[in-house]
PDB file of all heavy atoms in Angstrom:
ATOM      1  N   ALA A   1      12.903 431.892  40.043  1.00  0.00           N
ATOM      2  CA  ALA A   1      13.065 432.742  38.866  1.00  0.00           C
ATOM      3  C   ALA A   1      14.522 433.165  38.693  1.00  0.00           C
ATOM      4  O   ALA A   1      15.057 433.136  37.579  1.00  0.00           O
ATOM      5  CB  ALA A   1      12.155 433.964  38.974  1.00  0.00           C
ATOM      6  N   GLN A   2      15.175 433.535  39.782  1.00  0.00           N
ATOM      7  CA  GLN A   2      16.579 433.942  39.704  1.00  0.00           C
ATOM      8  C   GLN A   2      17.461 432.763  39.292  1.00  0.00           C
ATOM      9  O   GLN A   2      18.384 432.914  38.486  1.00  0.00           O
ATOM     10  CB  GLN A   2      17.058 434.517  41.030  1.00  0.00           C
ATOM     11  CG  GLN A   2      18.473 435.057  40.973  1.00  0.00           C
ATOM     12  CD  GLN A   2      18.624 436.200  39.996  1.00  0.00           C
ATOM     13  OE1 GLN A   2      17.897 437.175  40.061  1.00  0.00           O
ATOM     14  NE2 GLN A   2      19.573 436.089  39.071  1.00  0.00           N
ATOM     15  N   ARG A   3      17.188 431.589  39.823  1.00  0.00           N
ATOM     16  CA  ARG A   3      17.950 430.393  39.464  1.00  0.00           C
ATOM     17  C   ARG A   3      17.839 430.125  37.963  1.00  0.00           C
ATOM     18  O   ARG A   3      18.836 429.838  37.284  1.00  0.00           O
ATOM     19  CB  ARG A   3      17.431 429.181  40.243  1.00  0.00           C
ATOM     20  CG  ARG A   3      18.176 427.900  39.938  1.00  0.00           C
ATOM     21  CD  ARG A   3      17.554 426.700  40.604  1.00  0.00           C
ATOM     22  NE  ARG A   3      17.634 426.796  42.051  1.00  0.00           N
ATOM     23  CZ  ARG A   3      17.006 425.979  42.887  1.00  0.00           C
ATOM     24  NH1 ARG A   3      16.243 425.006  42.426  1.00  0.00           N
ATOM     25  NH2 ARG A   3      17.128 426.113  44.183  1.00  0.00           N
ATOM     26  N   LEU A   4      16.627 430.228  37.427  1.00  0.00           N
ATOM     27  CA  LEU A   4      16.423 429.991  36.006  1.00  0.00           C
ATOM     28  C   LEU A   4      17.113 431.058  35.159  1.00  0.00           C
ATOM     29  O   LEU A   4      17.719 430.754  34.122  1.00  0.00           O
ATOM     30  CB  LEU A   4      14.932 429.930  35.689  1.00  0.00           C
ATOM     31  CG  LEU A   4      14.163 428.803  36.380  1.00  0.00           C
ATOM     32  CD1 LEU A   4      12.678 428.917  36.098  1.00  0.00           C
ATOM     33  CD2 LEU A   4      14.695 427.443  35.994  1.00  0.00           C
ATOM     34  N   ALA A   5      17.038 432.298  35.595  1.00  0.00           N
ATOM     35  CA  ALA A   5      17.718 433.375  34.874  1.00  0.00           C
ATOM     36  C   ALA A   5      19.222 433.155  34.857  1.00  0.00           C
ATOM     37  O   ALA A   5      19.875 433.338  33.822  1.00  0.00           O
ATOM     38  CB  ALA A   5      17.378 434.725  35.508  1.00  0.00           C
ATOM     39  N   ASP A   6      19.788 432.739  35.973  1.00  0.00           N
ATOM     40  CA  ASP A   6      21.227 432.484  36.047  1.00  0.00           C
ATOM     41  C   ASP A   6      21.648 431.386  35.071  1.00  0.00           C
ATOM     42  O   ASP A   6      22.702 431.491  34.426  1.00  0.00           O
ATOM     43  CB  ASP A   6      21.638 432.102  37.467  1.00  0.00           C
ATOM     44  CG  ASP A   6      21.557 433.257  38.446  1.00  0.00           C
ATOM     45  OD1 ASP A   6      21.521 434.430  38.011  1.00  0.00           O
ATOM     46  OD2 ASP A   6      21.524 432.977  39.661  1.00  0.00           O
ATOM     47  N   ILE A   7      20.844 430.347  34.956  1.00  0.00           N
ATOM     48  CA  ILE A   7      21.153 429.258  34.028  1.00  0.00           C
ATOM     49  C   ILE A   7      21.141 429.779  32.593  1.00  0.00           C
ATOM     50  O   ILE A   7      22.041 429.473  31.800  1.00  0.00           O
ATOM     51  CB  ILE A   7      20.164 428.092  34.215  1.00  0.00           C
ATOM     52  CG1 ILE A   7      20.398 427.426  35.571  1.00  0.00           C
ATOM     53  CG2 ILE A   7      20.278 427.080  33.075  1.00  0.00           C
ATOM     54  CD1 ILE A   7      19.308 426.450  35.981  1.00  0.00           C
ATOM     55  N   CYS A   8      20.145 430.568  32.259  1.00  0.00           N
ATOM     56  CA  CYS A   8      20.061 431.120  30.899  1.00  0.00           C
ATOM     57  C   CYS A   8      21.234 432.049  30.599  1.00  0.00           C
ATOM     58  O   CYS A   8      21.838 431.984  29.524  1.00  0.00           O
ATOM     59  CB  CYS A   8      18.747 431.877  30.717  1.00  0.00           C
ATOM     60  SG  CYS A   8      17.289 430.831  30.723  1.00  0.00           S
ATOM     61  N   LEU A   9      21.569 432.904  31.552  1.00  0.00           N
ATOM     62  CA  LEU A   9      22.629 433.879  31.327  1.00  0.00           C
ATOM     63  C   LEU A   9      24.020 433.257  31.291  1.00  0.00           C
ATOM     64  O   LEU A   9      24.978 433.899  30.856  1.00  0.00           O
ATOM     65  CB  LEU A   9      22.565 434.985  32.382  1.00  0.00           C
ATOM     66  CG  LEU A   9      21.342 435.895  32.263  1.00  0.00           C
ATOM     67  CD1 LEU A   9      21.244 436.812  33.467  1.00  0.00           C
ATOM     68  CD2 LEU A   9      21.376 436.682  30.966  1.00  0.00           C
ATOM     69  N   ALA A  10      24.146 432.016  31.726  1.00  0.00           N
ATOM     70  CA  ALA A  10      25.427 431.318  31.636  1.00  0.00           C
ATOM     71  C   ALA A  10      25.733 430.893  30.204  1.00  0.00           C
ATOM     72  O   ALA A  10      26.869 430.528  29.902  1.00  0.00           O
ATOM     73  CB  ALA A  10      25.421 430.102  32.564  1.00  0.00           C
ATOM     74  N   GLU A  11      24.741 430.951  29.326  1.00  0.00           N
ATOM     75  CA  GLU A  11      24.932 430.625  27.916  1.00  0.00           C
ATOM     76  C   GLU A  11      25.521 431.841  27.199  1.00  0.00           C
ATOM     77  O   GLU A  11      24.933 432.923  27.250  1.00  0.00           O
ATOM     78  CB  GLU A  11      23.599 430.250  27.269  1.00  0.00           C
ATOM     79  CG  GLU A  11      23.001 428.973  27.798  1.00  0.00           C
ATOM     80  CD  GLU A  11      23.854 427.772  27.435  1.00  0.00           C
ATOM     81  OE1 GLU A  11      24.281 427.653  26.272  1.00  0.00           O
ATOM     82  OE2 GLU A  11      24.098 426.946  28.335  1.00  0.00           O
ATOM     83  N   PRO A  12      26.661 431.695  26.529  1.00  0.00           N
ATOM     84  CA  PRO A  12      27.309 432.845  25.888  1.00  0.00           C
ATOM     85  C   PRO A  12      26.424 433.663  24.949  1.00  0.00           C
ATOM     86  O   PRO A  12      26.525 434.889  24.964  1.00  0.00           O
ATOM     87  CB  PRO A  12      28.480 432.207  25.137  1.00  0.00           C
ATOM     88  CG  PRO A  12      28.778 430.969  25.912  1.00  0.00           C
ATOM     89  CD  PRO A  12      27.454 430.473  26.415  1.00  0.00           C
ATOM     90  N   PRO A  13      25.546 433.050  24.145  1.00  0.00           N
ATOM     91  CA  PRO A  13      24.760 433.912  23.260  1.00  0.00           C
ATOM     92  C   PRO A  13      23.634 434.677  23.964  1.00  0.00           C
ATOM     93  O   PRO A  13      23.044 435.581  23.382  1.00  0.00           O
ATOM     94  CB  PRO A  13      24.182 432.948  22.225  1.00  0.00           C
ATOM     95  CG  PRO A  13      24.215 431.610  22.860  1.00  0.00           C
ATOM     96  CD  PRO A  13      25.332 431.642  23.870  1.00  0.00           C
ATOM     97  N   VAL A  14      23.338 434.346  25.196  1.00  0.00           N
ATOM     98  CA  VAL A  14      22.226 434.993  25.907  1.00  0.00           C
ATOM     99  C   VAL A  14      22.748 436.234  26.632  1.00  0.00           C
ATOM    100  O   VAL A  14      23.645 436.146  27.460  1.00  0.00           O
ATOM    101  CB  VAL A  14      21.565 434.025  26.908  1.00  0.00           C
ATOM    102  CG1 VAL A  14      20.471 434.727  27.687  1.00  0.00           C
ATOM    103  CG2 VAL A  14      21.025 432.788  26.197  1.00  0.00           C
ATOM    104  N   HIS A  15      22.160 437.384  26.308  1.00  0.00           N
ATOM    105  CA  HIS A  15      22.572 438.634  26.944  1.00  0.00           C
ATOM    106  C   HIS A  15      21.533 439.146  27.937  1.00  0.00           C
ATOM    107  O   HIS A  15      21.852 439.900  28.842  1.00  0.00           O
ATOM    108  CB  HIS A  15      22.864 439.702  25.897  1.00  0.00           C
ATOM    109  CG  HIS A  15      24.064 439.371  25.070  1.00  0.00           C
ATOM    110  ND1 HIS A  15      25.341 439.620  25.489  1.00  0.00           N
ATOM    111  CD2 HIS A  15      24.169 438.768  23.865  1.00  0.00           C
ATOM    112  CE1 HIS A  15      26.200 439.198  24.579  1.00  0.00           C
ATOM    113  NE2 HIS A  15      25.509 438.671  23.576  1.00  0.00           N
ATOM    114  N   TRP A  16      20.281 438.772  27.713  1.00  0.00           N
ATOM    115  CA  TRP A  16      19.223 439.147  28.648  1.00  0.00           C
ATOM    116  C   TRP A  16      18.147 438.082  28.614  1.00  0.00           C
ATOM    117  O   TRP A  16      18.038 437.320  27.664  1.00  0.00           O
ATOM    118  CB  TRP A  16      18.650 440.532  28.339  1.00  0.00           C
ATOM    119  CG  TRP A  16      17.992 440.622  26.987  1.00  0.00           C
ATOM    120  CD1 TRP A  16      18.583 441.001  25.816  1.00  0.00           C
ATOM    121  CD2 TRP A  16      16.632 440.312  26.669  1.00  0.00           C
ATOM    122  NE1 TRP A  16      17.674 440.934  24.788  1.00  0.00           N
ATOM    123  CE2 TRP A  16      16.464 440.523  25.281  1.00  0.00           C
ATOM    124  CE3 TRP A  16      15.550 439.864  27.406  1.00  0.00           C
ATOM    125  CZ2 TRP A  16      15.257 440.308  24.647  1.00  0.00           C
ATOM    126  CZ3 TRP A  16      14.336 439.656  26.770  1.00  0.00           C
ATOM    127  CH2 TRP A  16      14.206 439.887  25.408  1.00  0.00           C
ATOM    128  N   VAL A  17      17.335 438.060  29.681  1.00  0.00           N
ATOM    129  CA  VAL A  17      16.273 437.067  29.777  1.00  0.00           C
ATOM    130  C   VAL A  17      15.122 437.629  30.608  1.00  0.00           C
ATOM    131  O   VAL A  17      15.337 438.390  31.543  1.00  0.00           O
ATOM    132  CB  VAL A  17      16.806 435.747  30.389  1.00  0.00           C
ATOM    133  CG1 VAL A  17      17.277 435.940  31.804  1.00  0.00           C
ATOM    134  CG2 VAL A  17      15.791 434.634  30.309  1.00  0.00           C
ATOM    135  N   ASP A  18      13.914 437.294  30.200  1.00  0.00           N
ATOM    136  CA  ASP A  18      12.721 437.530  31.013  1.00  0.00           C
ATOM    137  C   ASP A  18      12.241 436.156  31.470  1.00  0.00           C
ATOM    138  O   ASP A  18      12.064 435.262  30.634  1.00  0.00           O
ATOM    139  CB  ASP A  18      11.603 438.198  30.210  1.00  0.00           C
ATOM    140  CG  ASP A  18      11.897 439.644  29.885  1.00  0.00           C
ATOM    141  OD1 ASP A  18      12.533 440.320  30.715  1.00  0.00           O
ATOM    142  OD2 ASP A  18      11.492 440.104  28.801  1.00  0.00           O
ATOM    143  N   VAL A  19      12.051 435.985  32.752  1.00  0.00           N
ATOM    144  CA  VAL A  19      11.592 434.719  33.311  1.00  0.00           C
ATOM    145  C   VAL A  19      10.291 434.969  34.063  1.00  0.00           C
ATOM    146  O   VAL A  19      10.228 435.856  34.908  1.00  0.00           O
ATOM    147  CB  VAL A  19      12.637 434.117  34.282  1.00  0.00           C
ATOM    148  CG1 VAL A  19      12.100 432.851  34.937  1.00  0.00           C
ATOM    149  CG2 VAL A  19      13.945 433.833  33.565  1.00  0.00           C
ATOM    150  N   THR A  20       9.269 434.189  33.743  1.00  0.00           N
ATOM    151  CA  THR A  20       8.006 434.247  34.467  1.00  0.00           C
ATOM    152  C   THR A  20       7.765 432.889  35.112  1.00  0.00           C
ATOM    153  O   THR A  20       7.825 431.863  34.437  1.00  0.00           O
ATOM    154  CB  THR A  20       6.835 434.578  33.528  1.00  0.00           C
ATOM    155  OG1 THR A  20       7.094 435.838  32.897  1.00  0.00           O
ATOM    156  CG2 THR A  20       5.520 434.649  34.301  1.00  0.00           C
ATOM    157  N   VAL A  21       7.499 432.913  36.406  1.00  0.00           N
ATOM    158  CA  VAL A  21       7.195 431.699  37.151  1.00  0.00           C
ATOM    159  C   VAL A  21       5.762 431.811  37.649  1.00  0.00           C
ATOM    160  O   VAL A  21       5.385 432.817  38.243  1.00  0.00           O
ATOM    161  CB  VAL A  21       8.164 431.516  38.350  1.00  0.00           C
ATOM    162  CG1 VAL A  21       7.782 430.304  39.175  1.00  0.00           C
ATOM    163  CG2 VAL A  21       9.602 431.398  37.848  1.00  0.00           C
ATOM    164  N   HIS A  22       4.979 430.780  37.400  1.00  0.00           N
ATOM    165  CA  HIS A  22       3.583 430.714  37.859  1.00  0.00           C
ATOM    166  C   HIS A  22       3.479 429.714  39.005  1.00  0.00           C
ATOM    167  O   HIS A  22       4.120 428.671  38.986  1.00  0.00           O
ATOM    168  CB  HIS A  22       2.661 430.245  36.724  1.00  0.00           C
ATOM    169  CG  HIS A  22       2.560 431.206  35.606  1.00  0.00           C
ATOM    170  ND1 HIS A  22       1.551 432.134  35.525  1.00  0.00           N
ATOM    171  CD2 HIS A  22       3.344 431.390  34.520  1.00  0.00           C
ATOM    172  CE1 HIS A  22       1.715 432.848  34.426  1.00  0.00           C
ATOM    173  NE2 HIS A  22       2.797 432.411  33.801  1.00  0.00           N
ATOM    174  N   LYS A  23       2.664 430.053  39.979  1.00  0.00           N
ATOM    175  CA  LYS A  23       2.389 429.128  41.079  1.00  0.00           C
ATOM    176  C   LYS A  23       0.879 429.151  41.334  1.00  0.00           C
ATOM    177  O   LYS A  23       0.381 429.868  42.212  1.00  0.00           O
ATOM    178  CB  LYS A  23       3.172 429.532  42.337  1.00  0.00           C
ATOM    179  CG  LYS A  23       3.102 428.488  43.429  1.00  0.00           C
ATOM    180  CD  LYS A  23       4.071 428.811  44.539  1.00  0.00           C
ATOM    181  CE  LYS A  23       4.052 427.704  45.580  1.00  0.00           C
ATOM    182  NZ  LYS A  23       5.045 427.953  46.621  1.00  0.00           N
ATOM    183  N   PRO A  24       0.131 428.370  40.556  1.00  0.00           N
ATOM    184  CA  PRO A  24      -1.331 428.424  40.647  1.00  0.00           C
ATOM    185  C   PRO A  24      -1.893 427.897  41.966  1.00  0.00           C
ATOM    186  O   PRO A  24      -3.032 428.194  42.299  1.00  0.00           O
ATOM    187  CB  PRO A  24      -1.800 427.576  39.465  1.00  0.00           C
ATOM    188  CG  PRO A  24      -0.640 426.716  39.124  1.00  0.00           C
ATOM    189  CD  PRO A  24       0.595 427.466  39.524  1.00  0.00           C
ATOM    190  N   GLN A  25      -1.100 427.162  42.726  1.00  0.00           N
ATOM    191  CA  GLN A  25      -1.584 426.641  44.003  1.00  0.00           C
ATOM    192  C   GLN A  25      -0.784 427.215  45.168  1.00  0.00           C
ATOM    193  O   GLN A  25      -0.471 426.517  46.130  1.00  0.00           O
ATOM    194  CB  GLN A  25      -1.527 425.118  43.999  1.00  0.00           C
ATOM    195  CG  GLN A  25      -2.435 424.514  42.947  1.00  0.00           C
ATOM    196  CD  GLN A  25      -2.273 423.013  42.828  1.00  0.00           C
ATOM    197  OE1 GLN A  25      -1.342 422.422  43.332  1.00  0.00           O
ATOM    198  NE2 GLN A  25      -3.214 422.394  42.131  1.00  0.00           N
ATOM    199  N   ALA A  26      -0.485 428.499  45.097  1.00  0.00           N
ATOM    200  CA  ALA A  26       0.270 429.158  46.162  1.00  0.00           C
ATOM    201  C   ALA A  26      -0.550 429.150  47.451  1.00  0.00           C
ATOM    202  O   ALA A  26      -1.780 429.260  47.425  1.00  0.00           O
ATOM    203  CB  ALA A  26       0.594 430.592  45.766  1.00  0.00           C
ATOM    204  N   PRO A  27       0.117 429.031  48.597  1.00  0.00           N
ATOM    205  CA  PRO A  27      -0.604 428.978  49.877  1.00  0.00           C
ATOM    206  C   PRO A  27      -1.018 430.370  50.365  1.00  0.00           C
ATOM    207  O   PRO A  27      -0.379 430.968  51.220  1.00  0.00           O
ATOM    208  CB  PRO A  27       0.422 428.339  50.820  1.00  0.00           C
ATOM    209  CG  PRO A  27       1.731 428.753  50.260  1.00  0.00           C
ATOM    210  CD  PRO A  27       1.544 428.806  48.772  1.00  0.00           C
ATOM    211  N   LEU A  28      -2.103 430.883  49.804  1.00  0.00           N
ATOM    212  CA  LEU A  28      -2.623 432.194  50.191  1.00  0.00           C
ATOM    213  C   LEU A  28      -3.996 432.030  50.834  1.00  0.00           C
ATOM    214  O   LEU A  28      -4.713 431.079  50.557  1.00  0.00           O
ATOM    215  CB  LEU A  28      -2.730 433.110  48.973  1.00  0.00           C
ATOM    216  CG  LEU A  28      -1.419 433.437  48.261  1.00  0.00           C
ATOM    217  CD1 LEU A  28      -1.698 434.279  47.025  1.00  0.00           C
ATOM    218  CD2 LEU A  28      -0.468 434.160  49.189  1.00  0.00           C
ATOM    219  N   ARG A  29      -4.354 432.984  51.662  1.00  0.00           N
ATOM    220  CA  ARG A  29      -5.636 432.920  52.375  1.00  0.00           C
ATOM    221  C   ARG A  29      -6.789 433.546  51.608  1.00  0.00           C
ATOM    222  O   ARG A  29      -7.900 433.592  52.104  1.00  0.00           O
ATOM    223  CB  ARG A  29      -5.504 433.616  53.731  1.00  0.00           C
ATOM    224  CG  ARG A  29      -4.530 432.928  54.645  1.00  0.00           C
ATOM    225  CD  ARG A  29      -4.433 433.641  55.957  1.00  0.00           C
ATOM    226  NE  ARG A  29      -3.305 433.109  56.713  1.00  0.00           N
ATOM    227  CZ  ARG A  29      -2.867 433.609  57.831  1.00  0.00           C
ATOM    228  NH1 ARG A  29      -3.445 434.680  58.347  1.00  0.00           N
ATOM    229  NH2 ARG A  29      -1.842 433.063  58.448  1.00  0.00           N
ATOM    230  N   VAL A  30      -6.514 434.050  50.423  1.00  0.00           N
ATOM    231  CA  VAL A  30      -7.556 434.670  49.603  1.00  0.00           C
ATOM    232  C   VAL A  30      -7.694 433.890  48.301  1.00  0.00           C
ATOM    233  O   VAL A  30      -6.771 433.198  47.868  1.00  0.00           O
ATOM    234  CB  VAL A  30      -7.223 436.151  49.298  1.00  0.00           C
ATOM    235  CG1 VAL A  30      -7.214 436.970  50.575  1.00  0.00           C
ATOM    236  CG2 VAL A  30      -5.895 436.274  48.580  1.00  0.00           C
ATOM    237  N   ALA A  31      -8.853 434.012  47.676  1.00  0.00           N
ATOM    238  CA  ALA A  31      -9.097 433.305  46.412  1.00  0.00           C
ATOM    239  C   ALA A  31      -8.293 433.939  45.281  1.00  0.00           C
ATOM    240  O   ALA A  31      -8.162 435.159  45.207  1.00  0.00           O
ATOM    241  CB  ALA A  31     -10.579 433.357  46.086  1.00  0.00           C
ATOM    242  N   PHE A  32      -7.750 433.098  44.406  1.00  0.00           N
ATOM    243  CA  PHE A  32      -6.988 433.572  43.258  1.00  0.00           C
ATOM    244  C   PHE A  32      -6.945 432.464  42.214  1.00  0.00           C
ATOM    245  O   PHE A  32      -7.161 431.298  42.516  1.00  0.00           O
ATOM    246  CB  PHE A  32      -5.566 433.976  43.663  1.00  0.00           C
ATOM    247  CG  PHE A  32      -4.752 432.817  44.170  1.00  0.00           C
ATOM    248  CD1 PHE A  32      -3.928 432.103  43.317  1.00  0.00           C
ATOM    249  CD2 PHE A  32      -4.816 432.427  45.505  1.00  0.00           C
ATOM    250  CE1 PHE A  32      -3.195 431.028  43.776  1.00  0.00           C
ATOM    251  CE2 PHE A  32      -4.081 431.356  45.972  1.00  0.00           C
ATOM    252  CZ  PHE A  32      -3.264 430.648  45.108  1.00  0.00           C
ATOM    253  N   ASP A  33      -6.678 432.842  40.987  1.00  0.00           N
ATOM    254  CA  ASP A  33      -6.534 431.856  39.918  1.00  0.00           C
ATOM    255  C   ASP A  33      -5.077 431.464  39.719  1.00  0.00           C
ATOM    256  O   ASP A  33      -4.773 430.326  39.393  1.00  0.00           O
ATOM    257  CB  ASP A  33      -7.083 432.396  38.595  1.00  0.00           C
ATOM    258  CG  ASP A  33      -8.590 432.556  38.637  1.00  0.00           C
ATOM    259  OD1 ASP A  33      -9.261 431.722  39.279  1.00  0.00           O
ATOM    260  OD2 ASP A  33      -9.094 433.519  38.036  1.00  0.00           O
TER     261      ASP A  33
END
């Protein structure tokens, strides 16, 4: 997420960014979607 935000913020017209990263197959021991 930080890497993607840095790329966006390197663009002169971009002053702020919201970045959402999804990982539907994260290695967790509990059930999740």
